Structure formats: C-alpha cells, structure tokens
Amino acid sequence: MNNKEEFDCVEMKNRIQAELLNENEGLTAEEERRKRLHKLATADSPAAKLWQAACKRQTTASR
C-alpha cells in the first residue's frame, strides 16, 4: 500500500512567487531588500538561523 501524497514543487514555487510579488508590490528595490534582510534577521527558520550565524562570523572576523 502506498500512502504517499502527491507533491507538485513547481506549483508550490509559483504560488510562493505570486505571494511574494503581492507582498512586495509598490516597494522600491531598496525597500524590498531591507524588508528581506529584516525578515532574515528576526526569523526563527533554519535558513534564517544559518544566515544569522554567517553574519555573526563575518562581523567578528572583520574586527
């Protein structure tokens, strides 16, 4: 018996891109960049934690 659910990664990518386009509509490139950096700096996701650690290493290495 196969209980695997079907997953369409292209549909998911398209849906996420559409959500981001709507979310960033009307923002300048600089505003969009600042918003993305703020999200990374405050998020708790594994990708954000990795980015935060890399920024911390870069800051301490440049001292």
Foldseek 3Di string as FASTA:
>chain_A
DDPDDDDDVVVVVVVVVVVVCVVCPPPDPVRSVVVVVVCLCPDDDPVSVVVNVVVVVVVVVVD
